[in-house]
Amino acid sequence: MSSTHSAQLLTNGSATSAAFQWPGGKGVFAVKATGYGTVDLQYQLPDGVTWVTPTDGSLSADGGVIFELGPCPIRAAVATATAVYASATRIPE
């Protein structure tokens, strides 16, 4: 069984979060916000510069999405949402 890993990406934020090192594996990206535009889970490509939103990694309402990534930096990218709470939690296998 893999260990559980959780990151609070944003707490009452309105801008893109700092990067967090994801250990790899399946996870849940959960978001609660007001004034919604979109909040995207993004991961950084190996060039160390480019950020990408995975398929189904974008939320335009409160909720969550399941994702699976190898070890990489992740962040919550905010577009016009306010009071954003976002987390990424690893699902044990």
PDB file of N, CA and C in Angstrom:
ATOM      1  N   MET A   1       0.841  -1.176   0.000  1.00  0.00           N
ATOM      2  CA  MET A   1       0.000   0.000   0.000  1.00  0.00           C
ATOM      3  C   MET A   1       0.889   1.244   0.000  1.00  0.00           C
ATOM      4  N   SER A   2       0.587   2.207  -0.861  1.00  0.00           N
ATOM      5  CA  SER A   2       1.341   3.458  -0.921  1.00  0.00           C
ATOM      6  C   SER A   2       0.907   4.380   0.194  1.00  0.00           C
ATOM      7  N   SER A   3       1.805   5.269   0.593  1.00  0.00           N
ATOM      8  CA  SER A   3       1.469   6.196   1.663  1.00  0.00           C
ATOM      9  C   SER A   3       0.587   7.319   1.144  1.00  0.00           C
ATOM     10  N   THR A   4      -0.234   7.864   2.042  1.00  0.00           N
ATOM     11  CA  THR A   4      -1.090   8.995   1.706  1.00  0.00           C
ATOM     12  C   THR A   4      -0.248  10.259   1.758  1.00  0.00           C
ATOM     13  N   HIS A   5      -0.515  11.151   0.830  1.00  0.00           N
ATOM     14  CA  HIS A   5       0.224  12.396   0.731  1.00  0.00           C
ATOM     15  C   HIS A   5      -0.777  13.479   0.377  1.00  0.00           C
ATOM     16  N   SER A   6      -0.760  14.589   1.106  1.00  0.00           N
ATOM     17  CA  SER A   6      -1.719  15.653   0.843  1.00  0.00           C
ATOM     18  C   SER A   6      -1.020  16.999   0.854  1.00  0.00           C
ATOM     19  N   ALA A   7      -1.474  17.887  -0.043  1.00  0.00           N
ATOM     20  CA  ALA A   7      -0.919  19.241  -0.114  1.00  0.00           C
ATOM     21  C   ALA A   7      -2.046  20.245  -0.188  1.00  0.00           C
ATOM     22  N   GLN A   8      -2.025  21.216   0.700  1.00  0.00           N
ATOM     23  CA  GLN A   8      -2.960  22.335   0.615  1.00  0.00           C
ATOM     24  C   GLN A   8      -2.317  23.337  -0.334  1.00  0.00           C
ATOM     25  N   LEU A   9      -2.815  23.417  -1.565  1.00  0.00           N
ATOM     26  CA  LEU A   9      -2.219  24.272  -2.586  1.00  0.00           C
ATOM     27  C   LEU A   9      -2.601  25.737  -2.406  1.00  0.00           C
ATOM     28  N   LEU A  10      -3.845  25.988  -2.020  1.00  0.00           N
ATOM     29  CA  LEU A  10      -4.302  27.364  -1.777  1.00  0.00           C
ATOM     30  C   LEU A  10      -5.235  27.391  -0.581  1.00  0.00           C
ATOM     31  N   THR A  11      -5.140  28.452   0.203  1.00  0.00           N
ATOM     32  CA  THR A  11      -6.048  28.698   1.310  1.00  0.00           C
ATOM     33  C   THR A  11      -6.528  30.128   1.202  1.00  0.00           C
ATOM     34  N   ASN A  12      -7.789  30.307   0.829  1.00  0.00           N
ATOM     35  CA  ASN A  12      -8.395  31.626   0.644  1.00  0.00           C
ATOM     36  C   ASN A  12      -7.575  32.477  -0.336  1.00  0.00           C
ATOM     37  N   GLY A  13      -7.138  31.856  -1.431  1.00  0.00           N
ATOM     38  CA  GLY A  13      -6.296  32.530  -2.412  1.00  0.00           C
ATOM     39  C   GLY A  13      -7.076  33.024  -3.616  1.00  0.00           C
ATOM     40  N   SER A  14      -6.408  33.847  -4.418  1.00  0.00           N
ATOM     41  CA  SER A  14      -7.030  34.350  -5.648  1.00  0.00           C
ATOM     42  C   SER A  14      -6.019  34.420  -6.794  1.00  0.00           C
ATOM     43  N   ALA A  15      -4.864  33.824  -6.599  1.00  0.00           N
ATOM     44  CA  ALA A  15      -3.818  33.812  -7.624  1.00  0.00           C
ATOM     45  C   ALA A  15      -3.232  32.406  -7.690  1.00  0.00           C
ATOM     46  N   THR A  16      -2.476  32.127  -8.720  1.00  0.00           N
ATOM     47  CA  THR A  16      -1.860  30.817  -8.902  1.00  0.00           C
ATOM     48  C   THR A  16      -0.948  30.500  -7.718  1.00  0.00           C
ATOM     49  N   SER A  17      -1.027  29.272  -7.249  1.00  0.00           N
ATOM     50  CA  SER A  17      -0.259  28.857  -6.073  1.00  0.00           C
ATOM     51  C   SER A  17       1.212  28.653  -6.411  1.00  0.00           C
ATOM     52  N   ALA A  18       1.993  28.526  -5.367  1.00  0.00           N
ATOM     53  CA  ALA A  18       3.395  28.118  -5.513  1.00  0.00           C
ATOM     54  C   ALA A  18       3.416  26.653  -5.945  1.00  0.00           C
ATOM     55  N   ALA A  19       4.525  26.220  -6.485  1.00  0.00           N
ATOM     56  CA  ALA A  19       4.676  24.824  -6.903  1.00  0.00           C
ATOM     57  C   ALA A  19       4.843  23.927  -5.679  1.00  0.00           C
ATOM     58  N   PHE A  20       4.334  22.704  -5.802  1.00  0.00           N
ATOM     59  CA  PHE A  20       4.447  21.689  -4.768  1.00  0.00           C
ATOM     60  C   PHE A  20       4.933  20.408  -5.437  1.00  0.00           C
ATOM     61  N   GLN A  21       5.871  19.710  -4.827  1.00  0.00           N
ATOM     62  CA  GLN A  21       6.413  18.486  -5.424  1.00  0.00           C
ATOM     63  C   GLN A  21       5.468  17.313  -5.190  1.00  0.00           C
ATOM     64  N   TRP A  22       4.826  16.853  -6.254  1.00  0.00           N
ATOM     65  CA  TRP A  22       3.946  15.684  -6.195  1.00  0.00           C
ATOM     66  C   TRP A  22       4.822  14.435  -6.231  1.00  0.00           C
ATOM     67  N   PRO A  23       4.574  13.455  -5.324  1.00  0.00           N
ATOM     68  CA  PRO A  23       5.431  12.271  -5.269  1.00  0.00           C
ATOM     69  C   PRO A  23       5.138  11.241  -6.352  1.00  0.00           C
ATOM     70  N   GLY A  24       4.075  11.440  -7.114  1.00  0.00           N
ATOM     71  CA  GLY A  24       3.662  10.487  -8.136  1.00  0.00           C
ATOM     72  C   GLY A  24       2.507   9.648  -7.652  1.00  0.00           C
ATOM     73  N   GLY A  25       1.685   9.216  -8.591  1.00  0.00           N
ATOM     74  CA  GLY A  25       0.551   8.363  -8.267  1.00  0.00           C
ATOM     75  C   GLY A  25      -0.772   9.042  -8.547  1.00  0.00           C
ATOM     76  N   LYS A  26      -1.840   8.328  -8.182  1.00  0.00           N
ATOM     77  CA  LYS A  26      -3.198   8.807  -8.393  1.00  0.00           C
ATOM     78  C   LYS A  26      -3.595   9.722  -7.245  1.00  0.00           C
ATOM     79  N   GLY A  27      -4.341  10.797  -7.569  1.00  0.00           N
ATOM     80  CA  GLY A  27      -4.759  11.728  -6.538  1.00  0.00           C
ATOM     81  C   GLY A  27      -6.093  12.378  -6.855  1.00  0.00           C
ATOM     82  N   VAL A  28      -6.579  13.153  -5.895  1.00  0.00           N
ATOM     83  CA  VAL A  28      -7.796  13.937  -6.049  1.00  0.00           C
ATOM     84  C   VAL A  28      -7.424  15.405  -5.912  1.00  0.00           C
ATOM     85  N   PHE A  29      -7.798  16.207  -6.913  1.00  0.00           N
ATOM     86  CA  PHE A  29      -7.644  17.650  -6.882  1.00  0.00           C
ATOM     87  C   PHE A  29      -9.008  18.202  -6.504  1.00  0.00           C
ATOM     88  N   ALA A  30      -9.111  18.826  -5.326  1.00  0.00           N
ATOM     89  CA  ALA A  30     -10.389  19.324  -4.817  1.00  0.00           C
ATOM     90  C   ALA A  30     -10.328  20.834  -4.670  1.00  0.00           C
ATOM     91  N   VAL A  31     -11.431  21.512  -5.050  1.00  0.00           N
ATOM     92  CA  VAL A  31     -11.482  22.970  -5.026  1.00  0.00           C
ATOM     93  C   VAL A  31     -12.821  23.458  -4.489  1.00  0.00           C
ATOM     94  N   LYS A  32     -12.755  24.493  -3.647  1.00  0.00           N
ATOM     95  CA  LYS A  32     -13.917  25.251  -3.181  1.00  0.00           C
ATOM     96  C   LYS A  32     -13.558  26.709  -3.409  1.00  0.00           C
ATOM     97  N   ALA A  33     -14.430  27.461  -4.099  1.00  0.00           N
ATOM     98  CA  ALA A  33     -14.128  28.864  -4.401  1.00  0.00           C
ATOM     99  C   ALA A  33     -15.408  29.660  -4.566  1.00  0.00           C
ATOM    100  N   THR A  34     -15.250  30.981  -4.607  1.00  0.00           N
ATOM    101  CA  THR A  34     -16.357  31.869  -4.948  1.00  0.00           C
ATOM    102  C   THR A  34     -15.932  32.691  -6.155  1.00  0.00           C
ATOM    103  N   GLY A  35     -16.856  33.388  -6.776  1.00  0.00           N
ATOM    104  CA  GLY A  35     -16.518  34.221  -7.928  1.00  0.00           C
ATOM    105  C   GLY A  35     -15.849  33.421  -9.019  1.00  0.00           C
ATOM    106  N   TYR A  36     -16.389  32.235  -9.352  1.00  0.00           N
ATOM    107  CA  TYR A  36     -15.722  31.286 -10.232  1.00  0.00           C
ATOM    108  C   TYR A  36     -15.455  31.779 -11.639  1.00  0.00           C
ATOM    109  N   GLY A  37     -14.248  31.547 -12.093  1.00  0.00           N
ATOM    110  CA  GLY A  37     -13.832  31.478 -13.472  1.00  0.00           C
ATOM    111  C   GLY A  37     -13.442  30.022 -13.614  1.00  0.00           C
ATOM    112  N   THR A  38     -12.157  29.729 -13.508  1.00  0.00           N
ATOM    113  CA  THR A  38     -11.697  28.344 -13.456  1.00  0.00           C
ATOM    114  C   THR A  38     -10.515  28.231 -12.503  1.00  0.00           C
ATOM    115  N   VAL A  39     -10.330  27.039 -11.995  1.00  0.00           N
ATOM    116  CA  VAL A  39      -9.148  26.690 -11.212  1.00  0.00           C
ATOM    117  C   VAL A  39      -8.629  25.394 -11.825  1.00  0.00           C
ATOM    118  N   ASP A  40      -7.382  25.417 -12.285  1.00  0.00           N
ATOM    119  CA  ASP A  40      -6.787  24.262 -12.960  1.00  0.00           C
ATOM    120  C   ASP A  40      -5.688  23.635 -12.122  1.00  0.00           C
ATOM    121  N   LEU A  41      -5.654  22.313 -12.120  1.00  0.00           N
ATOM    122  CA  LEU A  41      -4.482  21.605 -11.638  1.00  0.00           C
ATOM    123  C   LEU A  41      -3.485  21.658 -12.789  1.00  0.00           C
ATOM    124  N   GLN A  42      -2.262  22.064 -12.521  1.00  0.00           N
ATOM    125  CA  GLN A  42      -1.231  22.087 -13.551  1.00  0.00           C
ATOM    126  C   GLN A  42      -0.001  21.333 -13.068  1.00  0.00           C
ATOM    127  N   TYR A  43       0.728  20.749 -14.025  1.00  0.00           N
ATOM    128  CA  TYR A  43       2.003  20.111 -13.709  1.00  0.00           C
ATOM    129  C   TYR A  43       3.080  20.686 -14.616  1.00  0.00           C
ATOM    130  N   GLN A  44       4.310  20.632 -14.123  1.00  0.00           N
ATOM    131  CA  GLN A  44       5.432  21.222 -14.858  1.00  0.00           C
ATOM    132  C   GLN A  44       6.139  20.157 -15.701  1.00  0.00           C
ATOM    133  N   LEU A  45       6.422  20.525 -16.954  1.00  0.00           N
ATOM    134  CA  LEU A  45       7.141  19.631 -17.853  1.00  0.00           C
ATOM    135  C   LEU A  45       8.629  19.595 -17.490  1.00  0.00           C
ATOM    136  N   PRO A  46       9.367  18.604 -18.000  1.00  0.00           N
ATOM    137  CA  PRO A  46      10.782  18.452 -17.640  1.00  0.00           C
ATOM    138  C   PRO A  46      11.677  19.634 -17.997  1.00  0.00           C
ATOM    139  N   ASP A  47      11.212  20.568 -18.857  1.00  0.00           N
ATOM    140  CA  ASP A  47      12.044  21.734 -19.169  1.00  0.00           C
ATOM    141  C   ASP A  47      12.153  22.688 -17.984  1.00  0.00           C
ATOM    142  N   GLY A  48      11.331  22.457 -16.930  1.00  0.00           N
ATOM    143  CA  GLY A  48      11.386  23.296 -15.739  1.00  0.00           C
ATOM    144  C   GLY A  48      10.757  24.663 -15.913  1.00  0.00           C
ATOM    145  N   VAL A  49      10.048  24.887 -17.029  1.00  0.00           N
ATOM    146  CA  VAL A  49       9.452  26.190 -17.329  1.00  0.00           C
ATOM    147  C   VAL A  49       7.967  26.064 -17.665  1.00  0.00           C
ATOM    148  N   THR A  50       7.620  25.103 -18.505  1.00  0.00           N
ATOM    149  CA  THR A  50       6.280  24.989 -19.063  1.00  0.00           C
ATOM    150  C   THR A  50       5.326  24.268 -18.119  1.00  0.00           C
ATOM    151  N   TRP A  51       4.125  24.867 -17.920  1.00  0.00           N
ATOM    152  CA  TRP A  51       3.073  24.274 -17.103  1.00  0.00           C
ATOM    153  C   TRP A  51       1.938  23.816 -18.003  1.00  0.00           C
ATOM    154  N   VAL A  52       1.364  22.634 -17.713  1.00  0.00           N
ATOM    155  CA  VAL A  52       0.317  22.027 -18.523  1.00  0.00           C
ATOM    156  C   VAL A  52      -0.844  21.622 -17.624  1.00  0.00           C
ATOM    157  N   THR A  53      -2.068  21.779 -18.128  1.00  0.00           N
ATOM    158  CA  THR A  53      -3.262  21.288 -17.432  1.00  0.00           C
ATOM    159  C   THR A  53      -3.610  19.920 -18.011  1.00  0.00           C
ATOM    160  N   PRO A  54      -3.645  18.869 -17.181  1.00  0.00           N
ATOM    161  CA  PRO A  54      -3.995  17.553 -17.712  1.00  0.00           C
ATOM    162  C   PRO A  54      -5.462  17.505 -18.142  1.00  0.00           C
ATOM    163  N   THR A  55      -5.805  16.526 -18.959  1.00  0.00           N
ATOM    164  CA  THR A  55      -7.193  16.313 -19.349  1.00  0.00           C
ATOM    165  C   THR A  55      -8.052  16.194 -18.091  1.00  0.00           C
ATOM    166  N   ASP A  56      -9.163  16.864 -18.059  1.00  0.00           N
ATOM    167  CA  ASP A  56     -10.088  16.868 -16.911  1.00  0.00           C
ATOM    168  C   ASP A  56      -9.458  17.458 -15.653  1.00  0.00           C
ATOM    169  N   GLY A  57      -8.466  18.325 -15.803  1.00  0.00           N
ATOM    170  CA  GLY A  57      -7.823  18.946 -14.645  1.00  0.00           C
ATOM    171  C   GLY A  57      -8.319  20.349 -14.372  1.00  0.00           C
ATOM    172  N   SER A  58      -9.420  20.748 -15.013  1.00  0.00           N
ATOM    173  CA  SER A  58      -9.937  22.098 -14.880  1.00  0.00           C
ATOM    174  C   SER A  58     -11.317  22.062 -14.228  1.00  0.00           C
ATOM    175  N   LEU A  59     -11.521  22.920 -13.221  1.00  0.00           N
ATOM    176  CA  LEU A  59     -12.815  22.999 -12.544  1.00  0.00           C
ATOM    177  C   LEU A  59     -13.394  24.396 -12.695  1.00  0.00           C
ATOM    178  N   SER A  60     -14.681  24.475 -13.021  1.00  0.00           N
ATOM    179  CA  SER A  60     -15.362  25.764 -13.103  1.00  0.00           C
ATOM    180  C   SER A  60     -16.488  25.839 -12.081  1.00  0.00           C
ATOM    181  N   ALA A  61     -16.508  24.890 -11.159  1.00  0.00           N
ATOM    182  CA  ALA A  61     -17.448  24.877 -10.043  1.00  0.00           C
ATOM    183  C   ALA A  61     -16.801  24.073  -8.921  1.00  0.00           C
ATOM    184  N   ASP A  62     -17.324  24.215  -7.710  1.00  0.00           N
ATOM    185  CA  ASP A  62     -16.787  23.462  -6.581  1.00  0.00           C
ATOM    186  C   ASP A  62     -16.836  21.970  -6.884  1.00  0.00           C
ATOM    187  N   GLY A  63     -15.796  21.262  -6.467  1.00  0.00           N
ATOM    188  CA  GLY A  63     -15.780  19.823  -6.668  1.00  0.00           C
ATOM    189  C   GLY A  63     -14.380  19.273  -6.717  1.00  0.00           C
ATOM    190  N   GLY A  64     -14.241  18.143  -7.377  1.00  0.00           N
ATOM    191  CA  GLY A  64     -12.938  17.497  -7.459  1.00  0.00           C
ATOM    192  C   GLY A  64     -12.808  16.658  -8.708  1.00  0.00           C
ATOM    193  N   VAL A  65     -11.568  16.378  -9.061  1.00  0.00           N
ATOM    194  CA  VAL A  65     -11.255  15.504 -10.187  1.00  0.00           C
ATOM    195  C   VAL A  65     -10.142  14.554  -9.769  1.00  0.00           C
ATOM    196  N   ILE A  66     -10.154  13.373 -10.344  1.00  0.00           N
ATOM    197  CA  ILE A  66      -9.096  12.399 -10.100  1.00  0.00           C
ATOM    198  C   ILE A  66      -8.051  12.549 -11.194  1.00  0.00           C
ATOM    199  N   PHE A  67      -6.777  12.493 -10.799  1.00  0.00           N
ATOM    200  CA  PHE A  67      -5.676  12.612 -11.749  1.00  0.00           C
ATOM    201  C   PHE A  67      -4.610  11.585 -11.416  1.00  0.00           C
ATOM    202  N   GLU A  68      -3.744  11.320 -12.371  1.00  0.00           N
ATOM    203  CA  GLU A  68      -2.605  10.435 -12.130  1.00  0.00           C
ATOM    204  C   GLU A  68      -1.392  11.011 -12.837  1.00  0.00           C
ATOM    205  N   LEU A  69      -0.340  11.268 -12.069  1.00  0.00           N
ATOM    206  CA  LEU A  69       0.891  11.862 -12.586  1.00  0.00           C
ATOM    207  C   LEU A  69       2.097  11.159 -11.979  1.00  0.00           C
ATOM    208  N   GLY A  70       3.201  11.177 -12.693  1.00  0.00           N
ATOM    209  CA  GLY A  70       4.467  10.752 -12.128  1.00  0.00           C
ATOM    210  C   GLY A  70       4.977  11.846 -11.203  1.00  0.00           C
ATOM    211  N   PRO A  71       6.117  11.650 -10.552  1.00  0.00           N
ATOM    212  CA  PRO A  71       6.674  12.693  -9.697  1.00  0.00           C
ATOM    213  C   PRO A  71       6.945  13.961 -10.514  1.00  0.00           C
ATOM    214  N   CYS A  72       6.425  15.087 -10.032  1.00  0.00           N
ATOM    215  CA  CYS A  72       6.592  16.360 -10.731  1.00  0.00           C
ATOM    216  C   CYS A  72       6.057  17.492  -9.870  1.00  0.00           C
ATOM    217  N   PRO A  73       6.441  18.728 -10.168  1.00  0.00           N
ATOM    218  CA  PRO A  73       5.832  19.872  -9.495  1.00  0.00           C
ATOM    219  C   PRO A  73       4.394  20.064  -9.986  1.00  0.00           C
ATOM    220  N   ILE A  74       3.485  20.379  -9.064  1.00  0.00           N
ATOM    221  CA  ILE A  74       2.106  20.709  -9.406  1.00  0.00           C
ATOM    222  C   ILE A  74       1.745  22.041  -8.773  1.00  0.00           C
ATOM    223  N   ARG A  75       0.664  22.652  -9.263  1.00  0.00           N
ATOM    224  CA  ARG A  75       0.157  23.894  -8.681  1.00  0.00           C
ATOM    225  C   ARG A  75      -1.313  24.041  -9.039  1.00  0.00           C
ATOM    226  N   ALA A  76      -1.992  24.960  -8.356  1.00  0.00           N
ATOM    227  CA  ALA A  76      -3.364  25.336  -8.685  1.00  0.00           C
ATOM    228  C   ALA A  76      -3.289  26.674  -9.403  1.00  0.00           C
ATOM    229  N   ALA A  77      -3.760  26.713 -10.654  1.00  0.00           N
ATOM    230  CA  ALA A  77      -3.740  27.937 -11.460  1.00  0.00           C
ATOM    231  C   ALA A  77      -5.136  28.556 -11.443  1.00  0.00           C
ATOM    232  N   VAL A  78      -5.245  29.776 -10.952  1.00  0.00           N
ATOM    233  CA  VAL A  78      -6.525  30.454 -10.775  1.00  0.00           C
ATOM    234  C   VAL A  78      -6.769  31.447 -11.901  1.00  0.00           C
ATOM    235  N   ALA A  79      -7.978  31.382 -12.482  1.00  0.00           N
ATOM    236  CA  ALA A  79      -8.407  32.369 -13.473  1.00  0.00           C
ATOM    237  C   ALA A  79      -9.719  32.986 -12.980  1.00  0.00           C
ATOM    238  N   THR A  80      -9.646  34.156 -12.438  1.00  0.00           N
ATOM    239  CA  THR A  80     -10.773  34.984 -11.971  1.00  0.00           C
ATOM    240  C   THR A  80     -11.576  34.444 -10.801  1.00  0.00           C
ATOM    241  N   ALA A  81     -11.223  33.332 -10.214  1.00  0.00           N
ATOM    242  CA  ALA A  81     -11.911  32.850  -9.019  1.00  0.00           C
ATOM    243  C   ALA A  81     -11.339  33.556  -7.791  1.00  0.00           C
ATOM    244  N   THR A  82     -12.133  33.656  -6.744  1.00  0.00           N
ATOM    245  CA  THR A  82     -11.680  34.265  -5.494  1.00  0.00           C
ATOM    246  C   THR A  82     -11.976  33.322  -4.335  1.00  0.00           C
ATOM    247  N   ALA A  83     -11.355  33.604  -3.202  1.00  0.00           N
ATOM    248  CA  ALA A  83     -11.517  32.785  -2.000  1.00  0.00           C
ATOM    249  C   ALA A  83     -11.361  31.300  -2.338  1.00  0.00           C
ATOM    250  N   VAL A  84     -10.254  30.969  -3.001  1.00  0.00           N
ATOM    251  CA  VAL A  84     -10.015  29.605  -3.477  1.00  0.00           C
ATOM    252  C   VAL A  84      -9.308  28.766  -2.411  1.00  0.00           C
ATOM    253  N   TYR A  85      -9.871  27.611  -2.157  1.00  0.00           N
ATOM    254  CA  TYR A  85      -9.253  26.583  -1.320  1.00  0.00           C
ATOM    255  C   TYR A  85      -9.016  25.391  -2.244  1.00  0.00           C
ATOM    256  N   ALA A  86      -7.782  24.965  -2.407  1.00  0.00           N
ATOM    257  CA  ALA A  86      -7.464  23.867  -3.312  1.00  0.00           C
ATOM    258  C   ALA A  86      -6.469  22.923  -2.661  1.00  0.00           C
ATOM    259  N   SER A  87      -6.707  21.640  -2.849  1.00  0.00           N
ATOM    260  CA  SER A  87      -5.798  20.639  -2.298  1.00  0.00           C
ATOM    261  C   SER A  87      -5.595  19.502  -3.291  1.00  0.00           C
ATOM    262  N   ALA A  88      -4.509  18.790  -3.125  1.00  0.00           N
ATOM    263  CA  ALA A  88      -4.224  17.571  -3.883  1.00  0.00           C
ATOM    264  C   ALA A  88      -3.907  16.494  -2.861  1.00  0.00           C
ATOM    265  N   THR A  89      -4.639  15.396  -2.925  1.00  0.00           N
ATOM    266  CA  THR A  89      -4.474  14.301  -1.971  1.00  0.00           C
ATOM    267  C   THR A  89      -4.244  13.006  -2.720  1.00  0.00           C
ATOM    268  N   ARG A  90      -3.185  12.310  -2.357  1.00  0.00           N
ATOM    269  CA  ARG A  90      -2.846  11.044  -3.003  1.00  0.00           C
ATOM    270  C   ARG A  90      -3.812   9.961  -2.545  1.00  0.00           C
ATOM    271  N   ILE A  91      -4.227   9.110  -3.487  1.00  0.00           N
ATOM    272  CA  ILE A  91      -5.100   7.985  -3.191  1.00  0.00           C
ATOM    273  C   ILE A  91      -4.224   6.762  -3.000  1.00  0.00           C
ATOM    274  N   PRO A  92      -4.236   6.175  -1.805  1.00  0.00           N
ATOM    275  CA  PRO A  92      -3.413   4.984  -1.570  1.00  0.00           C
ATOM    276  C   PRO A  92      -3.845   3.844  -2.488  1.00  0.00           C
ATOM    277  N   GLU A  93      -2.877   3.087  -2.961  1.00  0.00           N
ATOM    278  CA  GLU A  93      -3.189   1.944  -3.851  1.00  0.00           C
ATOM    279  C   GLU A  93      -3.160   0.659  -3.084  1.00  0.00           C
TER     280      GLU A  93
END
